[in-house]
Amino acid sequence: MNRFRALAVPAVAVALLAGCARGDGGTAGPAEPRPATGTARASVTAVPSPVGPEAGAVTTSGSTPPGTLLVADFGSDTVTFVDPARGAFASVEVGTAPYGLVVGADGRAWVATAEGVAVVDTRTRTRLALVPYLTATGPATTGEYRGGGMGIALSPDGRRVYVGVNVPGGNGTLEVIDTAALKVTGRVPVGRRPFDVDVSRDGSEVYATNHDSFDVTVVRADSLRTRRIEVAPYDTEGGLSSWLKPHYTAVRPADGRLLLPFEGERLVVVDPATGRSEVRRMTANTHQHGAAVTPDGTLLVVGTGPIDPSSDRGPSLTVRAPDGTERVFPLDGPHEDVAVSDDGRTAYVTGGFTRDGYADGLTVVDLTDGSARRLPAGVRPLGIAVL
């Protein structure tokens, strides 16, 4: 089946309608304009935040209970703490338009914003520092194509954070942050718009999934040497105006293969050592974004909605067992990313979306029967973690 769908726009408009950012979907609409480029920030020292309501510190007192959800509010400058049963109860100011986040065993959250990586103590709900990027990303702006951090991951030993930095109009970079020193210690070029960043189980490699260049950049953690693996099961026809690009990657626990879902039709399984790919069939038939994998190898993929309403299905959550069997649960409206409870019985799907159709909340899905409920949580939330 030929699934190439480029947007039919004049050449001068391609840059403004370049497929989807972290959060386009099946509903076409005007994309937000790309911000202009600017000068680099010279300092890489941590910037402590003042403590108090004006800094977006805690809105309630007391320590944060286990099982709390943390979401990145792309429509605001905060992260929000969410009780899975009742909804949001506190927020912390972190920086402009936060995308991805990751939480370490020490309770610190690392949040990729347009300004830098914010460090949040999730136990006391305060921002500890902001680590600016070395990469020149232009002014801190909002919207689909804003510069700054996108995907983010933590090394298994907790010593390094890796963040994919978007450079509007060009290739991005992967920056490495020393988590003890709170400073950028290295950077390396990657592809265009690094939606997602993942780390191998042994910490030896980092994988930047680059949306607009149809590829994954494999980065050696010790030397920062890179290799490019093209991931384009529908080919690269259409370039920036194609919808059929990689978005998120999950690292399969059993063998370290990279799992990249496309369109609810194809799952690309990449061997990062050789660069070879295999394609497996998927069944949701919807444009797909966020992906997560559980320790037993179950893959969860967020479907954002149809590209072609005449043939594609609506938003959904795919739950794919290690043997390849799938259950597809419908969702009410576009969503972006997903996290799973520790017991593997509940999925939390963020309603944030950088195009029309986003919601200020989550959908909570019972993975035993597929029942779902909406939960108020944050402002256009994208990234999510279970504390």
Protein backbone atom coordinates (compact mmCIF):
# COMPACT_ATOMS: atom_id res chain seq x y z
CA MET A 1 0.00 0.00 0.00
CA ASN A 2 1.48 3.37 -1.01
CA ARG A 3 1.24 5.62 2.00
CA PHE A 4 3.20 8.64 0.77
CA ARG A 5 1.28 11.74 1.73
CA ALA A 6 3.09 15.00 1.18
CA LEU A 7 1.27 18.21 1.90
CA ALA A 8 0.26 19.90 -1.33
CA VAL A 9 1.75 23.34 -0.72
CA PRO A 10 3.96 25.69 -2.71
CA ALA A 11 7.69 25.26 -2.21
CA VAL A 12 8.00 28.52 -0.28
CA ALA A 13 5.56 27.18 2.32
CA VAL A 14 7.22 23.82 2.94
CA ALA A 15 9.27 25.09 5.88
CA LEU A 16 6.10 26.18 7.64
CA LEU A 17 4.19 22.96 7.03
CA ALA A 18 6.93 20.41 7.54
CA GLY A 19 4.98 17.36 8.51
CA CYS A 20 4.42 17.13 12.24
CA ALA A 21 6.32 18.23 15.24
CA ARG A 22 6.00 16.49 18.55
CA GLY A 23 2.31 16.60 18.27
CA ASP A 24 0.93 16.95 14.81
CA GLY A 25 -1.56 14.36 13.90
CA GLY A 26 -4.03 13.36 11.35
CA THR A 27 -5.86 16.69 11.41
CA ALA A 28 -4.15 19.01 9.03
CA GLY A 29 -3.94 22.65 9.97
CA PRO A 30 -1.63 25.63 9.79
CA ALA A 31 1.66 24.96 11.53
CA GLU A 32 3.13 27.56 13.82
CA PRO A 33 5.96 29.65 12.30
CA ARG A 34 9.53 28.70 12.98
CA PRO A 35 11.39 31.06 15.33
CA ALA A 36 14.40 32.94 14.04
CA THR A 37 17.87 31.75 14.94
CA GLY A 38 20.02 33.75 17.34
CA THR A 39 23.21 33.76 19.35
CA ALA A 40 24.44 31.04 21.68
CA ARG A 41 24.30 31.35 25.42
CA ALA A 42 27.84 31.62 26.69
CA SER A 43 27.37 30.35 30.23
CA VAL A 44 26.83 26.72 31.13
CA THR A 45 26.71 27.24 34.89
CA ALA A 46 23.63 26.20 36.80
CA VAL A 47 21.19 28.99 37.63
CA PRO A 48 19.50 28.42 41.00
CA SER A 49 15.84 29.37 41.20
CA PRO A 50 14.45 31.57 43.95
CA VAL A 51 12.11 29.73 46.26
CA GLY A 52 8.58 31.00 46.60
CA PRO A 53 5.28 31.22 44.78
CA GLU A 54 6.67 33.70 42.27
CA ALA A 55 9.17 31.04 41.14
CA GLY A 56 6.45 28.47 40.60
CA ALA A 57 7.44 26.53 43.72
CA VAL A 58 5.07 24.15 45.48
CA THR A 59 1.39 24.90 45.61
CA THR A 60 0.83 22.42 48.43
CA SER A 61 3.03 21.37 51.30
CA GLY A 62 4.36 17.94 52.18
CA SER A 63 6.48 15.40 50.34
CA THR A 64 5.43 13.91 47.01
CA PRO A 65 3.96 10.41 47.37
CA PRO A 66 5.19 7.48 45.26
CA GLY A 67 3.11 6.82 42.16
CA THR A 68 2.59 10.52 41.47
CA LEU A 69 2.70 11.46 37.78
CA LEU A 70 4.91 14.28 36.52
CA VAL A 71 4.04 15.98 33.22
CA ALA A 72 5.79 18.63 31.13
CA ASP A 73 3.42 21.51 30.33
CA PHE A 74 4.28 22.45 26.75
CA GLY A 75 1.55 25.10 26.82
CA SER A 76 3.05 26.76 29.88
CA ASP A 77 6.43 27.05 31.62
CA THR A 78 5.81 24.47 34.31
CA VAL A 79 5.79 20.81 35.22
CA THR A 80 2.71 19.54 37.01
CA PHE A 81 2.41 16.89 39.72
CA VAL A 82 -0.64 14.70 39.28
CA ASP A 83 -2.42 12.32 41.64
CA PRO A 84 -3.49 9.43 39.35
CA ALA A 85 -6.85 9.25 41.12
CA ARG A 86 -7.75 12.91 41.54
CA GLY A 87 -5.71 15.07 39.20
CA ALA A 88 -3.14 17.88 39.49
CA PHE A 89 -2.13 19.15 42.90
CA ALA A 90 1.08 21.16 42.43
CA SER A 91 3.26 22.76 39.77
CA VAL A 92 6.81 24.08 39.50
CA GLU A 93 8.10 26.71 37.08
CA VAL A 94 10.89 25.25 34.94
CA GLY A 95 11.30 27.32 31.75
CA THR A 96 9.65 28.05 28.43
CA ALA A 97 7.68 25.31 26.64
CA PRO A 98 8.96 22.11 28.28
CA TYR A 99 8.95 19.00 26.05
CA GLY A 100 10.46 15.80 27.42
CA LEU A 101 11.43 14.86 30.96
CA VAL A 102 13.18 12.03 32.76
CA VAL A 103 13.42 11.19 36.47
CA GLY A 104 16.40 9.59 38.21
CA ALA A 105 16.57 7.25 41.18
CA ASP A 106 17.60 10.20 43.35
CA GLY A 107 14.26 11.90 42.73
CA ARG A 108 15.61 14.65 40.48
CA ALA A 109 13.70 15.33 37.27
CA TRP A 110 15.46 16.66 34.18
CA VAL A 111 13.19 18.72 31.96
CA ALA A 112 14.03 19.81 28.39
CA THR A 113 12.77 23.38 27.90
CA ALA A 114 13.39 26.03 25.26
CA GLU A 115 15.87 27.75 27.60
CA GLY A 116 17.85 24.84 28.99
CA VAL A 117 17.46 21.70 31.06
CA ALA A 118 15.68 22.38 34.34
CA VAL A 119 16.51 20.28 37.40
CA VAL A 120 13.58 19.67 39.75
CA ASP A 121 13.57 18.00 43.16
CA THR A 122 10.39 15.96 42.82
CA ARG A 123 10.27 15.18 46.54
CA THR A 124 10.10 18.80 47.68
CA ARG A 125 8.68 20.12 44.38
CA THR A 126 11.20 22.88 43.78
CA ARG A 127 13.41 23.81 40.84
CA LEU A 128 17.06 23.41 41.80
CA ALA A 129 18.83 24.70 38.69
CA LEU A 130 18.64 25.51 35.00
CA VAL A 131 21.47 24.31 32.78
CA PRO A 132 21.60 26.40 29.56
CA TYR A 133 22.46 24.81 26.23
CA LEU A 134 25.76 25.29 24.45
CA THR A 135 23.96 25.12 21.12
CA ALA A 136 22.68 28.34 19.57
CA THR A 137 18.90 27.88 19.39
CA GLY A 138 17.66 31.46 19.08
CA PRO A 139 15.26 33.21 21.44
CA ALA A 140 13.25 31.07 23.84
CA THR A 141 9.92 30.76 22.06
CA THR A 142 6.91 28.46 22.07
CA GLY A 143 5.14 26.44 19.42
CA GLU A 144 5.67 23.44 17.21
CA TYR A 145 9.06 24.41 15.80
CA ARG A 146 10.56 26.18 18.79
CA GLY A 147 14.28 25.74 19.39
CA GLY A 148 15.71 24.03 22.46
CA GLY A 149 15.45 20.65 24.12
CA MET A 150 13.15 17.93 22.89
CA GLY A 151 13.96 14.28 23.68
CA ILE A 152 15.88 13.60 26.89
CA ALA A 153 17.29 10.51 28.61
CA LEU A 154 19.38 9.55 31.62
CA SER A 155 22.34 7.17 31.66
CA PRO A 156 21.77 3.96 33.65
CA ASP A 157 24.27 5.05 36.32
CA GLY A 158 22.61 8.45 36.65
CA ARG A 159 25.81 10.37 35.92
CA ARG A 160 24.84 11.88 32.59
CA VAL A 161 21.76 13.37 30.97
CA TYR A 162 21.48 13.39 27.19
CA VAL A 163 19.23 15.98 25.55
CA GLY A 164 18.36 16.43 21.90
CA VAL A 165 18.47 20.13 21.04
CA ASN A 166 16.45 21.43 18.10
CA VAL A 167 18.04 24.15 15.96
CA PRO A 168 15.27 25.77 13.88
CA GLY A 169 15.99 25.40 10.19
CA GLY A 170 18.97 23.07 10.57
CA ASN A 171 20.42 19.96 12.15
CA GLY A 172 20.21 19.51 15.89
CA THR A 173 22.73 18.49 18.50
CA LEU A 174 22.95 16.03 21.36
CA GLU A 175 24.24 17.69 24.52
CA VAL A 176 25.66 15.80 27.50
CA ILE A 177 25.11 17.10 31.02
CA ASP A 178 27.15 16.01 34.02
CA THR A 179 24.49 15.45 36.70
CA ALA A 180 26.87 16.16 39.59
CA ALA A 181 28.50 19.29 38.17
CA LEU A 182 25.26 20.53 36.53
CA LYS A 183 26.97 21.62 33.35
CA VAL A 184 27.21 20.62 29.71
CA THR A 185 30.37 18.57 29.17
CA GLY A 186 29.99 17.64 25.51
CA ARG A 187 27.89 17.99 22.39
CA VAL A 188 27.73 16.34 19.00
CA PRO A 189 25.72 17.00 15.81
CA VAL A 190 22.68 14.82 15.14
CA GLY A 191 19.79 15.04 12.65
CA ARG A 192 16.92 17.48 12.29
CA ARG A 193 14.52 17.90 15.20
CA PRO A 194 15.54 15.15 17.67
CA PHE A 195 12.08 14.19 18.96
CA ASP A 196 13.31 11.39 21.17
CA VAL A 197 16.52 10.33 22.94
CA ASP A 198 17.11 6.83 24.35
CA VAL A 199 20.04 5.01 25.95
CA SER A 200 21.13 1.39 25.61
CA ARG A 201 20.67 -0.77 28.70
CA ASP A 202 24.42 -0.87 29.37
CA GLY A 203 24.78 2.88 28.81
CA SER A 204 27.35 2.51 26.04
CA GLU A 205 25.23 4.10 23.29
CA VAL A 206 22.73 6.91 22.95
CA TYR A 207 20.06 7.04 20.23
CA ALA A 208 18.67 10.33 18.91
CA THR A 209 15.54 9.90 16.79
CA ASN A 210 15.50 12.73 14.26
CA HIS A 211 12.09 13.48 12.84
CA ASP A 212 12.90 15.69 9.86
CA SER A 213 15.91 13.75 8.59
CA PHE A 214 14.30 10.28 8.65
CA ASP A 215 17.04 8.78 10.82
CA VAL A 216 18.46 7.71 14.14
CA THR A 217 21.88 8.98 15.21
CA VAL A 218 23.81 6.38 17.21
CA VAL A 219 26.26 8.10 19.58
CA ARG A 220 29.01 6.30 21.48
CA ALA A 221 28.77 7.46 25.09
CA ASP A 222 32.54 7.30 25.69
CA SER A 223 33.86 9.03 22.54
CA LEU A 224 30.72 10.79 21.19
CA ARG A 225 31.46 9.27 17.79
CA THR A 226 28.32 9.01 15.67
CA ARG A 227 26.73 6.76 13.05
CA ARG A 228 23.59 7.52 11.05
CA ILE A 229 20.89 4.90 10.45
CA GLU A 230 18.16 5.86 8.02
CA VAL A 231 14.72 4.72 9.15
CA ALA A 232 12.26 5.35 6.33
CA PRO A 233 9.92 2.40 5.67
CA TYR A 234 7.89 4.56 3.26
CA ASP A 235 11.03 6.11 1.70
CA THR A 236 11.94 9.79 2.10
CA GLU A 237 9.81 11.09 -0.75
CA GLY A 238 8.28 14.42 0.17
CA GLY A 239 11.13 15.45 2.47
CA LEU A 240 10.05 18.04 5.01
CA SER A 241 6.46 17.97 3.80
CA SER A 242 6.05 14.22 4.36
CA TRP A 243 4.03 12.94 7.29
CA LEU A 244 5.77 9.55 7.27
CA LYS A 245 8.75 10.25 9.51
CA PRO A 246 10.10 8.66 12.70
CA HIS A 247 8.91 10.14 15.98
CA TYR A 248 9.72 8.06 19.06
CA THR A 249 11.85 5.00 19.72
CA ALA A 250 11.69 2.31 22.39
CA VAL A 251 14.67 0.09 23.23
CA ARG A 252 13.58 -3.55 23.45
CA PRO A 253 14.75 -4.99 26.79
CA ALA A 254 15.48 -8.49 25.52
CA ASP A 255 18.06 -7.63 22.87
CA GLY A 256 18.56 -3.86 22.67
CA ARG A 257 16.85 -3.55 19.28
CA LEU A 258 15.23 -0.20 18.50
CA LEU A 259 11.46 -0.21 17.94
CA LEU A 260 10.04 2.60 15.78
CA PRO A 261 6.29 2.56 14.98
CA PHE A 262 4.90 4.13 11.78
CA GLU A 263 1.27 4.90 10.94
CA GLY A 264 -0.21 1.98 12.84
CA GLU A 265 0.93 -0.15 9.91
CA ARG A 266 4.64 -0.85 10.27
CA LEU A 267 6.97 -1.42 13.19
CA VAL A 268 10.60 -0.97 12.18
CA VAL A 269 12.98 -3.09 14.28
CA VAL A 270 16.54 -1.76 14.02
CA ASP A 271 19.73 -3.52 15.06
CA PRO A 272 21.86 -0.55 16.19
CA ALA A 273 25.07 -2.58 15.84
CA THR A 274 24.62 -3.28 12.14
CA GLY A 275 22.07 -0.67 11.09
CA ARG A 276 19.89 -3.36 9.52
CA SER A 277 16.13 -3.10 9.82
CA GLU A 278 13.20 -5.48 9.72
CA VAL A 279 9.58 -4.41 9.31
CA ARG A 280 6.71 -5.98 11.22
CA ARG A 281 3.00 -5.41 10.64
CA MET A 282 0.94 -3.20 12.97
CA THR A 283 -2.85 -2.90 13.00
CA ALA A 284 -4.03 0.46 14.39
CA ASN A 285 -3.93 2.27 11.01
CA THR A 286 -3.43 5.74 12.51
CA HIS A 287 -0.61 8.28 12.68
CA GLN A 288 1.59 7.40 15.68
CA HIS A 289 3.79 9.30 18.10
CA GLY A 290 4.75 8.37 21.67
CA ALA A 291 6.12 4.93 22.51
CA ALA A 292 7.08 3.14 25.70
CA VAL A 293 8.14 -0.41 26.50
CA THR A 294 7.66 -2.34 29.74
CA PRO A 295 10.32 -4.62 31.30
CA ASP A 296 8.63 -7.70 29.80
CA GLY A 297 8.85 -6.22 26.30
CA THR A 298 5.25 -5.02 25.88
CA LEU A 299 5.21 -2.01 23.55
CA LEU A 300 2.71 0.83 23.95
CA VAL A 301 2.23 3.31 21.09
CA VAL A 302 0.08 6.44 20.97
CA GLY A 303 -2.02 6.97 17.84
CA THR A 304 -2.76 10.65 17.21
CA GLY A 305 -5.42 10.31 14.52
CA PRO A 306 -5.82 9.95 10.77
CA ILE A 307 -3.72 11.49 8.04
CA ASP A 308 -6.39 10.59 5.50
CA PRO A 309 -9.82 10.61 7.22
CA SER A 310 -11.29 8.59 4.36
CA SER A 311 -9.14 5.53 5.11
CA ASP A 312 -7.37 5.93 8.46
CA ARG A 313 -8.73 5.35 11.93
CA GLY A 314 -8.87 7.79 14.83
CA PRO A 315 -6.65 8.25 17.91
CA SER A 316 -5.81 5.12 19.86
CA LEU A 317 -3.41 3.35 22.17
CA THR A 318 -1.78 0.19 20.80
CA VAL A 319 -0.62 -2.42 23.29
CA ARG A 320 1.66 -4.88 21.49
CA ALA A 321 2.72 -8.06 23.29
CA PRO A 322 6.24 -9.49 22.81
CA ASP A 323 4.78 -12.13 20.46
CA GLY A 324 3.41 -9.41 18.16
CA THR A 325 -0.27 -9.67 19.04
CA GLU A 326 -1.94 -6.30 19.46
CA ARG A 327 -4.84 -4.75 21.30
CA VAL A 328 -5.94 -1.31 20.08
CA PHE A 329 -7.88 0.91 22.49
CA PRO A 330 -9.65 4.00 21.08
CA LEU A 331 -8.81 7.39 22.59
CA ASP A 332 -10.99 10.48 22.72
CA GLY A 333 -8.94 12.99 20.74
CA PRO A 334 -5.24 13.29 19.85
CA HIS A 335 -2.62 12.45 22.48
CA GLU A 336 1.18 12.54 22.53
CA ASP A 337 3.14 10.35 24.94
CA VAL A 338 2.59 7.46 27.33
CA ALA A 339 3.88 6.05 30.61
CA VAL A 340 2.94 2.83 32.41
CA SER A 341 2.36 2.13 36.09
CA ASP A 342 4.86 -0.04 37.93
CA ASP A 343 2.45 -2.97 38.01
CA GLY A 344 1.91 -2.75 34.25
CA ARG A 345 -1.87 -2.51 34.58
CA THR A 346 -2.43 1.18 33.82
CA ALA A 347 -1.29 3.49 31.03
CA TYR A 348 -1.22 7.27 31.30
CA VAL A 349 -1.48 9.04 27.94
CA THR A 350 -0.78 12.77 27.71
CA GLY A 351 -3.37 14.92 25.97
CA GLY A 352 -0.96 17.66 24.93
CA PHE A 353 -0.75 18.28 21.22
CA THR A 354 1.07 21.06 19.34
CA ARG A 355 -1.69 21.29 16.72
CA ASP A 356 -5.44 21.69 17.04
CA GLY A 357 -7.10 19.08 19.17
CA TYR A 358 -4.90 19.06 22.29
CA ALA A 359 -6.34 18.71 25.79
CA ASP A 360 -5.13 19.94 29.16
CA GLY A 361 -5.02 16.55 30.80
CA LEU A 362 -4.38 12.83 30.59
CA THR A 363 -6.29 9.73 29.62
CA VAL A 364 -5.95 6.89 32.10
CA VAL A 365 -6.33 3.51 30.40
CA ASP A 366 -6.95 0.26 32.27
CA LEU A 367 -4.84 -2.21 30.29
CA THR A 368 -6.82 -5.21 31.49
CA ASP A 369 -10.12 -4.18 29.88
CA GLY A 370 -9.37 -1.04 27.86
CA SER A 371 -11.65 1.24 29.87
CA ALA A 372 -10.52 4.87 29.94
CA ARG A 373 -11.17 8.05 31.88
CA ARG A 374 -9.98 11.63 31.49
CA LEU A 375 -7.93 13.24 34.23
CA PRO A 376 -7.24 17.00 34.52
CA ALA A 377 -3.47 17.50 34.47
CA GLY A 378 -1.33 20.42 33.39
CA VAL A 379 -1.37 22.67 30.35
CA ARG A 380 -1.00 20.84 27.03
CA PRO A 381 1.15 18.11 28.70
CA LEU A 382 3.67 16.24 26.52
CA GLY A 383 6.38 14.32 28.41
CA ILE A 384 5.36 12.16 31.37
CA ALA A 385 6.97 10.03 34.08
CA VAL A 386 5.69 7.97 37.00
CA LEU A 387 7.52 8.84 40.21
